[in-house]
Amino acid sequence: MKITETEEKETKTVPRGLPKSGRIWKSQKTKFSTNTKSKGLKSSFENKEKLRKDLLAIKELSRSIKAAKEEEQKMKKERRKENLKKQEENRKKSEVVQVITNTAKIKKMKKKHLRQIEKRDTTNM
C-alpha cells in the first residue's frame, strides 16, 4: 500500500480543535515580538493641521455643552431649594395654633392626645 503525497499531507496536518481541558485562552498565546504593525498612511502637514484644528473645535464645543448642562442643573437645584423653603414657610403660616396656658390640662390629657401636641416658639405670633 503506497501513500500519495496529498494523503500524507492530510494525515500530518490534523485540524486543531479545542483543548481537552476546555481552557481555550491558554493555547493561543503568541509572543509580542511576533506581532507586526504597519506604519500606516502618511498624511500631509496641512491635513494634520486641519485635523488638529477640528479636534480642538470639537473639544471646545463639548466643553461648552457640558458647562451649559451643569449650569442648568445648578439652577434647577437652586429653584428646588427655594420652592421647598417657600413651602415650609407657607406651611408654618397656615398652621392653626392653640396656646396652652394652663399646664395642669396637659397632665389630664390622654396619651393619644399628648402625641399630637407639638412645641412651637410663639414669641413672633
Protein backbone atom coordinates (compact mmCIF):
# COMPACT_ATOMS: atom_id res chain seq x y z
CA MET A 1 0.00 0.00 0.00
CA LYS A 2 1.57 3.21 -1.23
CA ILE A 3 0.60 6.62 0.27
CA THR A 4 0.43 9.54 -2.12
CA GLU A 5 1.80 12.98 -1.32
CA THR A 6 -1.62 14.60 -0.77
CA GLU A 7 -2.76 11.85 1.59
CA GLU A 8 0.48 12.22 3.55
CA LYS A 9 -0.13 15.97 4.00
CA GLU A 10 -3.68 15.30 5.16
CA THR A 11 -2.54 12.90 7.84
CA LYS A 12 0.20 15.21 9.10
CA THR A 13 -1.95 18.37 9.35
CA VAL A 14 -4.55 17.36 11.86
CA PRO A 15 -7.06 20.14 12.41
CA ARG A 16 -6.62 21.60 15.85
CA GLY A 17 -9.76 21.77 17.95
CA LEU A 18 -10.35 22.93 21.48
CA PRO A 19 -8.00 21.76 24.21
CA LYS A 20 -9.27 18.88 26.30
CA SER A 21 -9.17 20.95 29.48
CA GLY A 22 -11.52 23.50 27.93
CA ARG A 23 -9.13 26.38 28.56
CA ILE A 24 -9.09 27.85 25.09
CA TRP A 25 -7.31 31.03 26.15
CA LYS A 26 -4.21 29.09 27.18
CA SER A 27 -3.39 27.63 23.77
CA GLN A 28 -3.48 30.83 21.74
CA LYS A 29 -0.51 32.60 23.30
CA THR A 30 1.86 34.36 20.95
CA LYS A 31 4.91 36.43 21.74
CA PHE A 32 4.55 40.19 21.50
CA SER A 33 7.56 40.40 19.21
CA THR A 34 5.80 38.29 16.57
CA ASN A 35 3.06 40.92 16.13
CA THR A 36 3.84 43.19 13.22
CA LYS A 37 2.36 46.62 12.78
CA SER A 38 2.14 48.61 9.60
CA LYS A 39 3.36 52.19 9.62
CA GLY A 40 0.05 53.43 8.24
CA LEU A 41 -0.68 56.01 5.59
CA LYS A 42 1.35 59.18 5.63
CA SER A 43 -0.67 62.37 5.61
CA SER A 44 0.47 65.85 4.69
CA PHE A 45 1.17 68.61 7.21
CA GLU A 46 -1.91 70.55 6.04
CA ASN A 47 -4.14 67.53 6.70
CA LYS A 48 -2.62 67.03 10.14
CA GLU A 49 -3.10 70.71 10.98
CA LYS A 50 -6.71 70.61 9.79
CA LEU A 51 -7.42 67.51 11.89
CA ARG A 52 -5.84 69.16 14.92
CA LYS A 53 -7.98 72.29 14.49
CA ASP A 54 -11.14 70.22 14.04
CA LEU A 55 -10.36 68.23 17.18
CA LEU A 56 -9.80 71.43 19.18
CA ALA A 57 -13.09 72.87 17.91
CA ILE A 58 -14.97 69.69 18.84
CA LYS A 59 -13.41 69.66 22.33
CA GLU A 60 -14.35 73.31 22.88
CA LEU A 61 -17.93 72.63 21.76
CA SER A 62 -18.08 69.62 24.08
CA ARG A 63 -16.82 71.73 27.00
CA SER A 64 -19.38 74.45 26.35
CA ILE A 65 -22.25 71.93 26.17
CA LYS A 66 -21.10 70.30 29.40
CA ALA A 67 -20.83 73.68 31.14
CA ALA A 68 -24.34 74.64 29.97
CA LYS A 69 -25.75 71.36 31.32
CA GLU A 70 -24.02 71.86 34.67
CA GLU A 71 -25.35 75.44 34.89
CA GLU A 72 -28.87 74.21 34.12
CA GLN A 73 -28.62 71.53 36.81
CA LYS A 74 -27.35 74.12 39.29
CA MET A 75 -30.27 76.44 38.51
CA LYS A 76 -32.79 73.60 38.89
CA LYS A 77 -31.27 72.64 42.26
CA GLU A 78 -31.43 76.25 43.43
CA ARG A 79 -35.06 76.61 42.34
CA ARG A 80 -35.96 73.37 44.11
CA LYS A 81 -34.36 74.61 47.36
CA GLU A 82 -36.20 77.94 47.11
CA ASN A 83 -39.52 76.20 46.45
CA LEU A 84 -39.05 73.89 49.43
CA LYS A 85 -38.18 76.86 51.63
CA LYS A 86 -41.30 78.74 50.47
CA GLN A 87 -43.42 75.64 51.01
CA GLU A 88 -42.15 75.28 54.58
CA GLU A 89 -42.78 78.97 55.31
CA ASN A 90 -46.31 78.75 53.92
CA ARG A 91 -47.00 75.64 55.92
CA LYS A 92 -45.87 77.38 59.11
CA LYS A 93 -48.02 80.43 58.28
CA SER A 94 -51.15 78.37 57.73
CA GLU A 95 -50.79 76.40 60.97
CA VAL A 96 -53.61 76.71 63.43
CA VAL A 97 -52.09 77.14 66.87
CA GLN A 98 -53.79 76.93 70.20
CA VAL A 99 -51.66 78.09 73.10
CA ILE A 100 -51.98 76.09 76.32
CA THR A 101 -51.55 78.47 79.25
CA ASN A 102 -52.79 76.16 81.96
CA THR A 103 -50.20 73.37 82.27
CA ALA A 104 -52.48 71.35 84.53
CA LYS A 105 -54.53 70.46 81.44
CA ILE A 106 -51.53 68.64 79.96
CA LYS A 107 -51.37 66.31 82.95
CA LYS A 108 -55.05 65.41 82.49
CA MET A 109 -54.72 64.61 78.78
CA LYS A 110 -54.75 61.11 77.37
CA LYS A 111 -51.65 59.61 75.68
CA LYS A 112 -53.19 59.78 72.21
CA HIS A 113 -53.86 63.49 72.57
CA LEU A 114 -50.38 64.14 74.00
CA ARG A 115 -48.80 62.64 70.90
CA GLN A 116 -50.48 65.28 68.74
CA ILE A 117 -49.18 68.18 70.82
CA GLU A 118 -46.05 69.86 69.47
CA LYS A 119 -43.94 72.61 70.99
CA ARG A 120 -43.57 75.83 68.99
CA ASP A 121 -41.89 79.13 69.52
CA THR A 122 -44.81 81.57 69.82
CA THR A 123 -42.84 84.74 70.53
CA ASN A 124 -43.30 86.07 66.98
CA MET A 125 -47.06 85.46 66.87
